Amino acid sequence: MTNKISEFLVDVLDNAYPQAFPRIACEDTVWFSEAGFFEEHQKLGNTLDKKVIDESVILCCYNILKLDEEKMDTVLQSRDFIILDEPLSVFRRK
């Protein structure tokens, strides 16, 4: 499944937009955790094609009220930016 998602995103980058156009992918990842696929989703980011990483911005959405402490630590350690909606705030990992 990971390869198919990566291939799909590469196809989108190759075909849908001019090179200079910003590319943003956003997904609500709450259902991954609720369906028992949290770890698989976290691994997905490590297997995406380099083109996807270099030429797009990927925003993953989580409901922090539904993440246990271990999952929250995983998310915080693997992301460069964290955006909270209440209160609206942005944090950057150094």
PDB file of N, CA and C in Angstrom:
ATOM      1  N   MET A   1       0.819  -1.190   0.000  1.00  0.00           N
ATOM      2  CA  MET A   1       0.000   0.000   0.000  1.00  0.00           C
ATOM      3  C   MET A   1       0.867   1.260   0.000  1.00  0.00           C
ATOM      4  N   THR A   2       1.955   1.227   0.737  1.00  0.00           N
ATOM      5  CA  THR A   2       2.826   2.390   0.821  1.00  0.00           C
ATOM      6  C   THR A   2       3.365   2.776  -0.548  1.00  0.00           C
ATOM      7  N   ASN A   3       3.777   1.778  -1.330  1.00  0.00           N
ATOM      8  CA  ASN A   3       4.309   2.059  -2.665  1.00  0.00           C
ATOM      9  C   ASN A   3       3.244   2.688  -3.562  1.00  0.00           C
ATOM     10  N   LYS A   4       2.017   2.216  -3.458  1.00  0.00           N
ATOM     11  CA  LYS A   4       0.940   2.754  -4.288  1.00  0.00           C
ATOM     12  C   LYS A   4       0.660   4.219  -3.944  1.00  0.00           C
ATOM     13  N   ILE A   5       0.668   4.552  -2.665  1.00  0.00           N
ATOM     14  CA  ILE A   5       0.447   5.944  -2.268  1.00  0.00           C
ATOM     15  C   ILE A   5       1.585   6.816  -2.788  1.00  0.00           C
ATOM     16  N   SER A   6       2.814   6.365  -2.619  1.00  0.00           N
ATOM     17  CA  SER A   6       3.971   7.123  -3.095  1.00  0.00           C
ATOM     18  C   SER A   6       3.921   7.292  -4.615  1.00  0.00           C
ATOM     19  N   GLU A   7       3.608   6.211  -5.339  1.00  0.00           N
ATOM     20  CA  GLU A   7       3.505   6.286  -6.802  1.00  0.00           C
ATOM     21  C   GLU A   7       2.410   7.259  -7.225  1.00  0.00           C
ATOM     22  N   PHE A   8       1.275   7.225  -6.538  1.00  0.00           N
ATOM     23  CA  PHE A   8       0.182   8.137  -6.847  1.00  0.00           C
ATOM     24  C   PHE A   8       0.626   9.590  -6.671  1.00  0.00           C
ATOM     25  N   LEU A   9       1.297   9.890  -5.568  1.00  0.00           N
ATOM     26  CA  LEU A   9       1.741  11.261  -5.319  1.00  0.00           C
ATOM     27  C   LEU A   9       2.771  11.709  -6.356  1.00  0.00           C
ATOM     28  N   VAL A  10       3.663  10.814  -6.775  1.00  0.00           N
ATOM     29  CA  VAL A  10       4.627  11.154  -7.827  1.00  0.00           C
ATOM     30  C   VAL A  10       3.893  11.449  -9.130  1.00  0.00           C
ATOM     31  N   ASP A  11       2.889  10.647  -9.473  1.00  0.00           N
ATOM     32  CA  ASP A  11       2.102  10.894 -10.686  1.00  0.00           C
ATOM     33  C   ASP A  11       1.414  12.251 -10.631  1.00  0.00           C
ATOM     34  N   VAL A  12       0.862  12.588  -9.475  1.00  0.00           N
ATOM     35  CA  VAL A  12       0.209  13.892  -9.315  1.00  0.00           C
ATOM     36  C   VAL A  12       1.229  15.002  -9.529  1.00  0.00           C
ATOM     37  N   LEU A  13       2.403  14.869  -8.948  1.00  0.00           N
ATOM     38  CA  LEU A  13       3.436  15.898  -9.102  1.00  0.00           C
ATOM     39  C   LEU A  13       3.873  16.018 -10.550  1.00  0.00           C
ATOM     40  N   ASP A  14       3.980  14.879 -11.246  1.00  0.00           N
ATOM     41  CA  ASP A  14       4.450  14.888 -12.632  1.00  0.00           C
ATOM     42  C   ASP A  14       3.422  15.467 -13.597  1.00  0.00           C
ATOM     43  N   ASN A  15       2.133  15.250 -13.331  1.00  0.00           N
ATOM     44  CA  ASN A  15       1.131  15.549 -14.345  1.00  0.00           C
ATOM     45  C   ASN A  15       0.215  16.732 -14.062  1.00  0.00           C
ATOM     46  N   ALA A  16      -0.047  17.028 -12.822  1.00  0.00           N
ATOM     47  CA  ALA A  16      -1.138  17.945 -12.537  1.00  0.00           C
ATOM     48  C   ALA A  16      -0.751  19.413 -12.430  1.00  0.00           C
ATOM     49  N   TYR A  17       0.470  19.722 -12.096  1.00  0.00           N
ATOM     50  CA  TYR A  17       0.825  21.107 -11.800  1.00  0.00           C
ATOM     51  C   TYR A  17       2.077  21.537 -12.549  1.00  0.00           C
ATOM     52  N   PRO A  18       2.149  22.815 -12.881  1.00  0.00           N
ATOM     53  CA  PRO A  18       3.427  23.319 -13.400  1.00  0.00           C
ATOM     54  C   PRO A  18       4.499  23.209 -12.312  1.00  0.00           C
ATOM     55  N   GLN A  19       5.732  23.151 -12.700  1.00  0.00           N
ATOM     56  CA  GLN A  19       6.838  22.931 -11.758  1.00  0.00           C
ATOM     57  C   GLN A  19       6.872  23.951 -10.622  1.00  0.00           C
ATOM     58  N   ALA A  20       6.573  25.212 -10.887  1.00  0.00           N
ATOM     59  CA  ALA A  20       6.696  26.249  -9.869  1.00  0.00           C
ATOM     60  C   ALA A  20       5.466  26.373  -8.964  1.00  0.00           C
ATOM     61  N   PHE A  21       4.425  25.593  -9.210  1.00  0.00           N
ATOM     62  CA  PHE A  21       3.192  25.698  -8.442  1.00  0.00           C
ATOM     63  C   PHE A  21       3.344  24.970  -7.098  1.00  0.00           C
ATOM     64  N   PRO A  22       2.962  25.596  -5.991  1.00  0.00           N
ATOM     65  CA  PRO A  22       3.085  24.901  -4.699  1.00  0.00           C
ATOM     66  C   PRO A  22       2.168  23.683  -4.635  1.00  0.00           C
ATOM     67  N   ARG A  23       2.638  22.637  -4.000  1.00  0.00           N
ATOM     68  CA  ARG A  23       1.874  21.404  -3.901  1.00  0.00           C
ATOM     69  C   ARG A  23       1.682  21.052  -2.426  1.00  0.00           C
ATOM     70  N   ILE A  24       0.448  20.887  -2.033  1.00  0.00           N
ATOM     71  CA  ILE A  24       0.148  20.558  -0.642  1.00  0.00           C
ATOM     72  C   ILE A  24      -0.777  19.354  -0.612  1.00  0.00           C
ATOM     73  N   ALA A  25      -0.423  18.382   0.187  1.00  0.00           N
ATOM     74  CA  ALA A  25      -1.294  17.230   0.417  1.00  0.00           C
ATOM     75  C   ALA A  25      -1.687  17.265   1.885  1.00  0.00           C
ATOM     76  N   CYS A  26      -2.956  17.066   2.150  1.00  0.00           N
ATOM     77  CA  CYS A  26      -3.436  17.087   3.528  1.00  0.00           C
ATOM     78  C   CYS A  26      -4.360  15.900   3.739  1.00  0.00           C
ATOM     79  N   GLU A  27      -4.212  15.243   4.851  1.00  0.00           N
ATOM     80  CA  GLU A  27      -5.104  14.131   5.118  1.00  0.00           C
ATOM     81  C   GLU A  27      -5.453  14.092   6.596  1.00  0.00           C
ATOM     82  N   ASP A  28      -6.651  13.664   6.858  1.00  0.00           N
ATOM     83  CA  ASP A  28      -7.097  13.463   8.222  1.00  0.00           C
ATOM     84  C   ASP A  28      -6.652  12.067   8.631  1.00  0.00           C
ATOM     85  N   THR A  29      -5.653  11.986   9.482  1.00  0.00           N
ATOM     86  CA  THR A  29      -5.064  10.702   9.828  1.00  0.00           C
ATOM     87  C   THR A  29      -5.672  10.078  11.080  1.00  0.00           C
ATOM     88  N   VAL A  30      -6.708  10.685  11.619  1.00  0.00           N
ATOM     89  CA  VAL A  30      -7.343  10.156  12.825  1.00  0.00           C
ATOM     90  C   VAL A  30      -7.814   8.722  12.601  1.00  0.00           C
ATOM     91  N   TRP A  31      -8.400   8.460  11.438  1.00  0.00           N
ATOM     92  CA  TRP A  31      -8.964   7.129  11.197  1.00  0.00           C
ATOM     93  C   TRP A  31      -7.896   6.052  11.175  1.00  0.00           C
ATOM     94  N   PHE A  32      -6.642   6.399  10.770  1.00  0.00           N
ATOM     95  CA  PHE A  32      -5.566   5.399  10.800  1.00  0.00           C
ATOM     96  C   PHE A  32      -5.386   4.861  12.221  1.00  0.00           C
ATOM     97  N   SER A  33      -5.306   5.783  13.169  1.00  0.00           N
ATOM     98  CA  SER A  33      -5.107   5.387  14.561  1.00  0.00           C
ATOM     99  C   SER A  33      -6.301   4.605  15.086  1.00  0.00           C
ATOM    100  N   GLU A  34      -7.493   5.100  14.796  1.00  0.00           N
ATOM    101  CA  GLU A  34      -8.700   4.442  15.293  1.00  0.00           C
ATOM    102  C   GLU A  34      -8.896   3.051  14.691  1.00  0.00           C
ATOM    103  N   ALA A  35      -8.376   2.836  13.487  1.00  0.00           N
ATOM    104  CA  ALA A  35      -8.510   1.532  12.827  1.00  0.00           C
ATOM    105  C   ALA A  35      -7.333   0.605  13.129  1.00  0.00           C
ATOM    106  N   GLY A  36      -6.381   1.075  13.952  1.00  0.00           N
ATOM    107  CA  GLY A  36      -5.246   0.235  14.318  1.00  0.00           C
ATOM    108  C   GLY A  36      -4.075   0.300  13.364  1.00  0.00           C
ATOM    109  N   PHE A  37      -4.014   1.334  12.514  1.00  0.00           N
ATOM    110  CA  PHE A  37      -2.935   1.455  11.531  1.00  0.00           C
ATOM    111  C   PHE A  37      -1.993   2.620  11.826  1.00  0.00           C
ATOM    112  N   PHE A  38      -1.914   3.031  13.072  1.00  0.00           N
ATOM    113  CA  PHE A  38      -1.088   4.189  13.421  1.00  0.00           C
ATOM    114  C   PHE A  38       0.375   3.972  13.032  1.00  0.00           C
ATOM    115  N   GLU A  39       0.948   2.829  13.428  1.00  0.00           N
ATOM    116  CA  GLU A  39       2.365   2.567  13.159  1.00  0.00           C
ATOM    117  C   GLU A  39       2.646   2.508  11.661  1.00  0.00           C
ATOM    118  N   GLU A  40       1.751   1.869  10.893  1.00  0.00           N
ATOM    119  CA  GLU A  40       1.936   1.786   9.448  1.00  0.00           C
ATOM    120  C   GLU A  40       1.917   3.172   8.819  1.00  0.00           C
ATOM    121  N   HIS A  41       1.030   4.025   9.301  1.00  0.00           N
ATOM    122  CA  HIS A  41       0.970   5.384   8.758  1.00  0.00           C
ATOM    123  C   HIS A  41       2.242   6.152   9.069  1.00  0.00           C
ATOM    124  N   GLN A  42       2.788   5.982  10.263  1.00  0.00           N
ATOM    125  CA  GLN A  42       4.019   6.674  10.623  1.00  0.00           C
ATOM    126  C   GLN A  42       5.180   6.221   9.736  1.00  0.00           C
ATOM    127  N   LYS A  43       5.209   4.936   9.389  1.00  0.00           N
ATOM    128  CA  LYS A  43       6.269   4.403   8.528  1.00  0.00           C
ATOM    129  C   LYS A  43       6.143   4.918   7.099  1.00  0.00           C
ATOM    130  N   LEU A  44       4.932   5.263   6.681  1.00  0.00           N
ATOM    131  CA  LEU A  44       4.700   5.732   5.318  1.00  0.00           C
ATOM    132  C   LEU A  44       5.595   6.915   4.975  1.00  0.00           C
ATOM    133  N   GLY A  45       5.722   7.859   5.890  1.00  0.00           N
ATOM    134  CA  GLY A  45       6.544   9.034   5.630  1.00  0.00           C
ATOM    135  C   GLY A  45       7.990   8.712   5.316  1.00  0.00           C
ATOM    136  N   ASN A  46       8.497   7.614   5.856  1.00  0.00           N
ATOM    137  CA  ASN A  46       9.885   7.229   5.612  1.00  0.00           C
ATOM    138  C   ASN A  46      10.082   6.543   4.274  1.00  0.00           C
ATOM    139  N   THR A  47       8.990   6.136   3.626  1.00  0.00           N
ATOM    140  CA  THR A  47       9.124   5.385   2.380  1.00  0.00           C
ATOM    141  C   THR A  47       8.630   6.166   1.158  1.00  0.00           C
ATOM    142  N   LEU A  48       8.210   7.413   1.364  1.00  0.00           N
ATOM    143  CA  LEU A  48       7.751   8.204   0.223  1.00  0.00           C
ATOM    144  C   LEU A  48       8.907   8.517  -0.718  1.00  0.00           C
ATOM    145  N   ASP A  49       8.603   8.596  -1.979  1.00  0.00           N
ATOM    146  CA  ASP A  49       9.588   8.948  -2.987  1.00  0.00           C
ATOM    147  C   ASP A  49      10.203  10.310  -2.666  1.00  0.00           C
ATOM    148  N   LYS A  50      11.499  10.465  -2.917  1.00  0.00           N
ATOM    149  CA  LYS A  50      12.196  11.730  -2.628  1.00  0.00           C
ATOM    150  C   LYS A  50      11.549  12.905  -3.364  1.00  0.00           C
ATOM    151  N   LYS A  51      11.018  12.678  -4.536  1.00  0.00           N
ATOM    152  CA  LYS A  51      10.344  13.735  -5.294  1.00  0.00           C
ATOM    153  C   LYS A  51       9.150  14.277  -4.504  1.00  0.00           C
ATOM    154  N   VAL A  52       8.402  13.397  -3.857  1.00  0.00           N
ATOM    155  CA  VAL A  52       7.247  13.822  -3.071  1.00  0.00           C
ATOM    156  C   VAL A  52       7.706  14.694  -1.911  1.00  0.00           C
ATOM    157  N   ILE A  53       8.761  14.277  -1.227  1.00  0.00           N
ATOM    158  CA  ILE A  53       9.289  15.031  -0.089  1.00  0.00           C
ATOM    159  C   ILE A  53       9.828  16.385  -0.537  1.00  0.00           C
ATOM    160  N   ASP A  54      10.558  16.417  -1.650  1.00  0.00           N
ATOM    161  CA  ASP A  54      11.207  17.650  -2.105  1.00  0.00           C
ATOM    162  C   ASP A  54      10.250  18.647  -2.748  1.00  0.00           C
ATOM    163  N   GLU A  55       9.174  18.166  -3.367  1.00  0.00           N
ATOM    164  CA  GLU A  55       8.345  19.057  -4.174  1.00  0.00           C
ATOM    165  C   GLU A  55       6.937  19.261  -3.631  1.00  0.00           C
ATOM    166  N   SER A  56       6.681  18.872  -2.401  1.00  0.00           N
ATOM    167  CA  SER A  56       5.349  19.080  -1.852  1.00  0.00           C
ATOM    168  C   SER A  56       5.424  19.286  -0.347  1.00  0.00           C
ATOM    169  N   VAL A  57       4.330  19.721   0.203  1.00  0.00           N
ATOM    170  CA  VAL A  57       4.170  19.847   1.647  1.00  0.00           C
ATOM    171  C   VAL A  57       3.049  18.898   2.036  1.00  0.00           C
ATOM    172  N   ILE A  58       3.299  18.067   3.007  1.00  0.00           N
ATOM    173  CA  ILE A  58       2.291  17.100   3.441  1.00  0.00           C
ATOM    174  C   ILE A  58       1.865  17.460   4.857  1.00  0.00           C
ATOM    175  N   LEU A  59       0.572  17.692   5.022  1.00  0.00           N
ATOM    176  CA  LEU A  59       0.015  18.011   6.334  1.00  0.00           C
ATOM    177  C   LEU A  59      -0.805  16.825   6.815  1.00  0.00           C
ATOM    178  N   CYS A  60      -0.463  16.290   7.961  1.00  0.00           N
ATOM    179  CA  CYS A  60      -1.231  15.197   8.560  1.00  0.00           C
ATOM    180  C   CYS A  60      -2.013  15.765   9.736  1.00  0.00           C
ATOM    181  N   CYS A  61      -3.268  15.402   9.831  1.00  0.00           N
ATOM    182  CA  CYS A  61      -4.141  15.929  10.888  1.00  0.00           C
ATOM    183  C   CYS A  61      -4.420  14.836  11.907  1.00  0.00           C
ATOM    184  N   TYR A  62      -4.263  15.171  13.174  1.00  0.00           N
ATOM    185  CA  TYR A  62      -4.495  14.229  14.259  1.00  0.00           C
ATOM    186  C   TYR A  62      -5.448  14.843  15.272  1.00  0.00           C
ATOM    187  N   ASN A  63      -6.212  14.006  15.931  1.00  0.00           N
ATOM    188  CA  ASN A  63      -7.006  14.429  17.073  1.00  0.00           C
ATOM    189  C   ASN A  63      -6.200  14.025  18.302  1.00  0.00           C
ATOM    190  N   ILE A  64      -5.526  14.996  18.923  1.00  0.00           N
ATOM    191  CA  ILE A  64      -4.620  14.666  20.021  1.00  0.00           C
ATOM    192  C   ILE A  64      -5.351  14.100  21.234  1.00  0.00           C
ATOM    193  N   LEU A  65      -6.642  14.346  21.309  1.00  0.00           N
ATOM    194  CA  LEU A  65      -7.405  13.787  22.427  1.00  0.00           C
ATOM    195  C   LEU A  65      -7.570  12.276  22.308  1.00  0.00           C
ATOM    196  N   LYS A  66      -7.325  11.743  21.092  1.00  0.00           N
ATOM    197  CA  LYS A  66      -7.478  10.307  20.874  1.00  0.00           C
ATOM    198  C   LYS A  66      -6.143   9.578  20.751  1.00  0.00           C
ATOM    199  N   LEU A  67      -5.035  10.287  20.999  1.00  0.00           N
ATOM    200  CA  LEU A  67      -3.719   9.655  20.940  1.00  0.00           C
ATOM    201  C   LEU A  67      -3.223   9.399  22.357  1.00  0.00           C
ATOM    202  N   ASP A  68      -2.726   8.193  22.600  1.00  0.00           N
ATOM    203  CA  ASP A  68      -2.122   7.943  23.902  1.00  0.00           C
ATOM    204  C   ASP A  68      -0.743   8.602  23.938  1.00  0.00           C
ATOM    205  N   GLU A  69      -0.091   8.572  25.090  1.00  0.00           N
ATOM    206  CA  GLU A  69       1.178   9.284  25.266  1.00  0.00           C
ATOM    207  C   GLU A  69       2.260   8.774  24.312  1.00  0.00           C
ATOM    208  N   GLU A  70       2.318   7.464  24.096  1.00  0.00           N
ATOM    209  CA  GLU A  70       3.326   6.893  23.200  1.00  0.00           C
ATOM    210  C   GLU A  70       3.128   7.365  21.756  1.00  0.00           C
ATOM    211  N   LYS A  71       1.891   7.363  21.294  1.00  0.00           N
ATOM    212  CA  LYS A  71       1.611   7.825  19.930  1.00  0.00           C
ATOM    213  C   LYS A  71       1.877   9.316  19.800  1.00  0.00           C
ATOM    214  N   MET A  72       1.541  10.080  20.822  1.00  0.00           N
ATOM    215  CA  MET A  72       1.812  11.515  20.793  1.00  0.00           C
ATOM    216  C   MET A  72       3.316  11.767  20.695  1.00  0.00           C
ATOM    217  N   ASP A  73       4.120  11.028  21.454  1.00  0.00           N
ATOM    218  CA  ASP A  73       5.576  11.170  21.371  1.00  0.00           C
ATOM    219  C   ASP A  73       6.083  10.850  19.976  1.00  0.00           C
ATOM    220  N   THR A  74       5.529   9.801  19.356  1.00  0.00           N
ATOM    221  CA  THR A  74       5.927   9.431  17.995  1.00  0.00           C
ATOM    222  C   THR A  74       5.665  10.566  17.022  1.00  0.00           C
ATOM    223  N   VAL A  75       4.475  11.148  17.096  1.00  0.00           N
ATOM    224  CA  VAL A  75       4.124  12.252  16.203  1.00  0.00           C
ATOM    225  C   VAL A  75       5.052  13.441  16.441  1.00  0.00           C
ATOM    226  N   LEU A  76       5.253  13.803  17.675  1.00  0.00           N
ATOM    227  CA  LEU A  76       6.074  14.976  17.996  1.00  0.00           C
ATOM    228  C   LEU A  76       7.528  14.795  17.576  1.00  0.00           C
ATOM    229  N   GLN A  77       8.051  13.589  17.666  1.00  0.00           N
ATOM    230  CA  GLN A  77       9.443  13.347  17.315  1.00  0.00           C
ATOM    231  C   GLN A  77       9.675  13.241  15.815  1.00  0.00           C
ATOM    232  N   SER A  78       8.633  12.975  15.051  1.00  0.00           N
ATOM    233  CA  SER A  78       8.828  12.733  13.616  1.00  0.00           C
ATOM    234  C   SER A  78       8.395  13.900  12.738  1.00  0.00           C
ATOM    235  N   ARG A  79       7.962  14.996  13.320  1.00  0.00           N
ATOM    236  CA  ARG A  79       7.492  16.140  12.532  1.00  0.00           C
ATOM    237  C   ARG A  79       8.333  17.369  12.825  1.00  0.00           C
ATOM    238  N   ASP A  80       8.613  18.144  11.775  1.00  0.00           N
ATOM    239  CA  ASP A  80       9.360  19.383  11.965  1.00  0.00           C
ATOM    240  C   ASP A  80       8.468  20.513  12.463  1.00  0.00           C
ATOM    241  N   PHE A  81       7.195  20.465  12.082  1.00  0.00           N
ATOM    242  CA  PHE A  81       6.244  21.502  12.494  1.00  0.00           C
ATOM    243  C   PHE A  81       5.007  20.850  13.095  1.00  0.00           C
ATOM    244  N   ILE A  82       4.482  21.460  14.130  1.00  0.00           N
ATOM    245  CA  ILE A  82       3.225  21.043  14.742  1.00  0.00           C
ATOM    246  C   ILE A  82       2.311  22.267  14.766  1.00  0.00           C
ATOM    247  N   ILE A  83       1.105  22.113  14.241  1.00  0.00           N
ATOM    248  CA  ILE A  83       0.121  23.193  14.223  1.00  0.00           C
ATOM    249  C   ILE A  83      -1.058  22.749  15.079  1.00  0.00           C
ATOM    250  N   LEU A  84      -1.401  23.557  16.069  1.00  0.00           N
ATOM    251  CA  LEU A  84      -2.559  23.274  16.917  1.00  0.00           C
ATOM    252  C   LEU A  84      -3.686  24.212  16.538  1.00  0.00           C
ATOM    253  N   ASP A  85      -4.912  23.701  16.598  1.00  0.00           N
ATOM    254  CA  ASP A  85      -6.035  24.565  16.227  1.00  0.00           C
ATOM    255  C   ASP A  85      -6.632  25.307  17.410  1.00  0.00           C
ATOM    256  N   GLU A  86      -6.495  24.794  18.616  1.00  0.00           N
ATOM    257  CA  GLU A  86      -7.039  25.479  19.787  1.00  0.00           C
ATOM    258  C   GLU A  86      -6.040  25.448  20.927  1.00  0.00           C
ATOM    259  N   PRO A  87      -5.403  26.532  21.250  1.00  0.00           N
ATOM    260  CA  PRO A  87      -5.403  27.791  20.509  1.00  0.00           C
ATOM    261  C   PRO A  87      -4.544  27.646  19.252  1.00  0.00           C
ATOM    262  N   LEU A  88      -4.865  28.412  18.227  1.00  0.00           N
ATOM    263  CA  LEU A  88      -4.096  28.365  16.979  1.00  0.00           C
ATOM    264  C   LEU A  88      -2.647  28.726  17.271  1.00  0.00           C
ATOM    265  N   SER A  89      -1.745  27.778  17.048  1.00  0.00           N
ATOM    266  CA  SER A  89      -0.332  28.000  17.306  1.00  0.00           C
ATOM    267  C   SER A  89       0.503  27.066  16.438  1.00  0.00           C
ATOM    268  N   VAL A  90       1.714  27.498  16.147  1.00  0.00           N
ATOM    269  CA  VAL A  90       2.630  26.722  15.318  1.00  0.00           C
ATOM    270  C   VAL A  90       3.934  26.564  16.091  1.00  0.00           C
ATOM    271  N   PHE A  91       4.431  25.304  16.122  1.00  0.00           N
ATOM    272  CA  PHE A  91       5.683  25.022  16.785  1.00  0.00           C
ATOM    273  C   PHE A  91       6.639  24.390  15.781  1.00  0.00           C
ATOM    274  N   ARG A  92       7.917  24.787  15.844  1.00  0.00           N
ATOM    275  CA  ARG A  92       8.945  24.212  14.966  1.00  0.00           C
ATOM    276  C   ARG A  92       9.980  23.499  15.819  1.00  0.00           C
ATOM    277  N   ARG A  93      10.276  22.281  15.417  1.00  0.00           N
ATOM    278  CA  ARG A  93      11.303  21.508  16.127  1.00  0.00           C
ATOM    279  C   ARG A  93      12.669  22.009  15.698  1.00  0.00           C
ATOM    280  N   LYS A  94      13.569  22.146  16.642  1.00  0.00           N
ATOM    281  CA  LYS A  94      14.926  22.601  16.321  1.00  0.00           C
ATOM    282  C   LYS A  94      15.867  21.444  16.257  1.00  0.00           C
TER     283      LYS A  94
END
